[in-house]
Protein backbone atom coordinates (compact mmCIF):
# COMPACT_ATOMS: atom_id res chain seq x y z
CA UNK A 1 38.34 61.12 17.55
CA UNK A 2 37.58 59.02 14.47
CA UNK A 3 35.42 55.94 15.02
CA UNK A 4 37.07 52.56 14.50
CA UNK A 5 34.19 51.96 12.07
CA UNK A 6 35.19 54.80 9.71
CA UNK A 7 36.85 52.58 7.06
CA UNK A 8 34.14 49.90 7.28
CA UNK A 9 31.39 52.54 6.99
CA UNK A 10 33.05 53.93 3.86
CA UNK A 11 33.31 50.44 2.34
CA UNK A 12 29.66 49.64 3.06
CA UNK A 13 28.60 52.95 1.51
CA UNK A 14 30.68 52.11 -1.60
CA UNK A 15 28.68 48.86 -1.81
CA UNK A 16 25.44 50.86 -1.88
CA UNK A 17 24.39 50.30 1.73
CA UNK A 18 23.36 52.92 4.24
CA UNK A 19 25.13 51.81 7.42
CA UNK A 20 23.67 52.97 10.70
CA UNK A 21 26.00 53.37 13.66
CA UNK A 22 24.71 52.37 17.07
CA UNK A 23 26.39 53.45 20.25
CA UNK A 24 26.69 51.61 23.54
CA UNK A 25 23.45 51.50 25.50
CA UNK A 26 21.60 49.33 27.97
CA UNK A 27 20.27 47.17 25.11
CA UNK A 28 23.47 47.32 23.08
CA UNK A 29 26.65 46.47 25.02
CA UNK A 30 29.05 47.39 22.18
CA UNK A 31 29.21 49.94 19.40
CA UNK A 32 28.27 48.42 16.04
CA UNK A 33 27.14 49.13 12.49
CA UNK A 34 23.91 47.84 10.98
CA UNK A 35 22.81 47.52 7.38
CA UNK A 36 19.41 46.41 6.14
CA UNK A 37 18.95 44.12 3.20
CA UNK A 38 15.97 42.53 1.52
CA UNK A 39 16.41 38.85 0.77
CA UNK A 40 14.77 37.94 -2.52
CA UNK A 41 12.80 35.13 -0.92
CA UNK A 42 10.89 37.23 1.63
CA UNK A 43 9.17 40.56 2.06
CA UNK A 44 10.67 41.79 5.33
CA UNK A 45 14.08 43.37 5.68
CA UNK A 46 16.83 41.72 7.68
CA UNK A 47 19.81 43.37 9.35
CA UNK A 48 23.47 42.50 9.22
CA UNK A 49 25.14 43.69 12.40
CA UNK A 50 28.88 44.41 12.26
CA UNK A 51 30.94 44.51 15.44
CA UNK A 52 34.60 45.42 15.08
CA UNK A 53 37.15 44.48 17.73
CA UNK A 54 40.48 46.32 17.64
CA UNK A 55 43.83 44.49 17.87
CA UNK A 56 44.03 45.57 21.52
CA UNK A 57 40.60 44.11 22.28
CA UNK A 58 41.44 40.87 20.44
CA UNK A 59 44.75 40.68 22.33
CA UNK A 60 42.91 40.91 25.64
CA UNK A 61 40.43 38.22 24.59
CA UNK A 62 43.14 35.84 23.36
CA UNK A 63 45.68 36.83 26.02
CA UNK A 64 48.31 37.26 23.34
CA UNK A 65 49.70 40.17 21.30
CA UNK A 66 47.66 40.32 18.09
CA UNK A 67 48.23 42.48 14.99
CA UNK A 68 44.76 42.28 13.44
CA UNK A 69 41.20 43.41 14.10
CA UNK A 70 38.30 41.00 14.26
CA UNK A 71 35.04 41.69 12.43
CA UNK A 72 31.98 39.84 13.68
CA UNK A 73 28.96 39.78 11.32
CA UNK A 74 25.62 38.54 12.62
CA UNK A 75 22.05 38.30 11.32
CA UNK A 76 19.09 37.19 13.41
CA UNK A 77 16.40 35.32 11.49
CA UNK A 78 12.86 36.50 12.30
CA UNK A 79 11.45 33.28 13.74
CA UNK A 80 11.06 31.33 16.95
CA UNK A 81 11.15 27.57 17.31
CA UNK A 82 9.02 25.54 19.67
CA UNK A 83 10.39 22.71 21.80
CA UNK A 84 9.75 20.13 19.07
CA UNK A 85 11.12 22.10 16.12
CA UNK A 86 14.33 23.26 17.82
CA UNK A 87 15.91 19.78 17.49
CA UNK A 88 15.10 19.78 13.77
CA UNK A 89 16.58 23.29 13.48
CA UNK A 90 19.82 22.21 15.18
CA UNK A 91 20.07 19.26 12.82
CA UNK A 92 19.50 21.55 9.82
CA UNK A 93 22.10 24.06 11.06
CA UNK A 94 24.69 21.28 11.44
CA UNK A 95 23.99 19.94 7.95
CA UNK A 96 24.06 23.38 6.32
CA UNK A 97 27.29 24.32 8.07
CA UNK A 98 28.87 21.11 6.80
CA UNK A 99 28.29 22.14 3.16
CA UNK A 100 28.26 25.96 3.35
CA UNK A 101 31.09 28.02 1.86
CA UNK A 102 30.98 30.20 4.99
CA UNK A 103 29.48 28.12 7.79
CA UNK A 104 27.83 30.17 10.50
CA UNK A 105 24.23 29.07 11.12
CA UNK A 106 23.54 28.83 14.84
CA UNK A 107 20.61 28.02 17.09
CA UNK A 108 20.18 29.78 20.43
CA UNK A 109 18.49 27.13 22.55
CA UNK A 110 17.56 29.58 25.32
CA UNK A 111 15.78 32.07 23.06
CA UNK A 112 14.83 29.36 20.52
CA UNK A 113 16.04 31.57 17.65
CA UNK A 114 18.19 31.00 14.59
CA UNK A 115 20.96 33.34 13.55
CA UNK A 116 23.96 33.47 11.27
CA UNK A 117 27.34 34.57 12.57
CA UNK A 118 30.65 34.84 10.80
CA UNK A 119 33.91 36.33 12.04
CA UNK A 120 36.95 37.30 10.02
CA UNK A 121 40.27 38.87 10.78
CA UNK A 122 41.07 42.24 9.25
CA UNK A 123 44.55 43.57 8.73
CA UNK A 124 45.21 47.27 8.14
CA UNK A 125 45.56 46.57 4.40
CA UNK A 126 42.24 44.72 4.16
CA UNK A 127 41.33 43.44 0.71
CA UNK A 128 38.17 45.44 -0.02
CA UNK A 129 37.06 43.09 -2.82
CA UNK A 130 37.35 40.08 -0.53
CA UNK A 131 35.36 41.83 2.19
CA UNK A 132 32.66 42.83 -0.32
CA UNK A 133 32.49 39.27 -1.67
CA UNK A 134 32.24 37.89 1.88
CA UNK A 135 29.36 40.23 2.78
CA UNK A 136 27.54 39.40 -0.48
CA UNK A 137 28.03 35.67 0.09
CA UNK A 138 26.69 35.94 3.65
CA UNK A 139 23.57 37.75 2.42
CA UNK A 140 23.06 35.13 -0.30
CA UNK A 141 23.41 32.27 2.17
CA UNK A 142 20.89 33.85 4.53
CA UNK A 143 18.53 34.36 1.60
CA UNK A 144 18.86 30.79 0.30
CA UNK A 145 19.12 28.85 3.55
CA UNK A 146 16.91 31.02 5.74
CA UNK A 147 13.71 29.60 4.25
CA UNK A 148 14.24 26.03 5.51
CA UNK A 149 14.58 27.40 9.05
CA UNK A 150 11.30 29.25 8.64
CA UNK A 151 9.63 26.07 7.35
CA UNK A 152 10.98 24.09 10.31
CA UNK A 153 9.66 26.73 12.70
CA UNK A 154 6.30 26.18 10.98
CA UNK A 155 6.47 22.42 11.68
CA UNK A 156 8.24 20.88 8.70
CA UNK A 157 10.65 18.03 9.49
CA UNK A 158 14.20 17.73 8.16
CA UNK A 159 13.25 14.35 6.64
CA UNK A 160 10.62 16.16 4.56
CA UNK A 161 13.39 18.19 2.88
CA UNK A 162 15.32 14.99 2.12
CA UNK A 163 12.23 13.26 0.70
CA UNK A 164 11.40 16.28 -1.49
CA UNK A 165 14.97 16.46 -2.80
CA UNK A 166 14.97 12.72 -3.53
CA UNK A 167 11.61 12.96 -5.32
CA UNK A 168 12.87 15.88 -7.45
CA UNK A 169 16.10 13.99 -8.22
CA UNK A 170 14.23 10.85 -9.26
CA UNK A 171 11.84 12.89 -11.45
CA UNK A 172 14.82 14.57 -13.17
CA UNK A 173 16.54 11.20 -13.60
CA UNK A 174 13.36 9.73 -15.04
CA UNK A 175 13.15 12.58 -17.60
CA UNK A 176 16.76 11.97 -18.64
CA UNK A 177 16.20 8.23 -18.95
CA UNK A 178 13.02 8.64 -20.99
CA UNK A 179 14.83 11.07 -23.28
CA UNK A 180 17.51 8.49 -24.08
CA UNK A 181 15.01 5.71 -24.84
CA UNK A 182 13.16 7.71 -27.48
């Protein structure tokens, strides 16, 4: 029997990834695919985990007849918050999700971890270019916005980010103003 991940595996290989299939185990309740990627901003590799739910599984979850599959993509950020920094992390996640093209930053309050999760529906005639663009955008967002979570886990406050951005903006504005007066 062909795995429900066959088409997704082929697509990920076309993108240059080496997907690894994981089967159901005590530590892994569902079959999934994993790919590693190296964000430009850090040395360690991160994993995107793909879980695919068939139309039958989605129908059971939604208690309605559904004609599409659901692809869940998740990435756990390698950090842990303390009791003080978790409130800052939740605030940051809310703000980032408000402006993100694909919102999906989450904070697990029990484990005090940050992760990114995005789900999309897949029809049998899935647009491969759209799926590739989505995966690339997710990796870029984790690369760009993962660092502030790491800094918050290290004790930085959300207000510090705002003050730094304001200082940079005022410095740029000052340069523009001085350039006009000369």
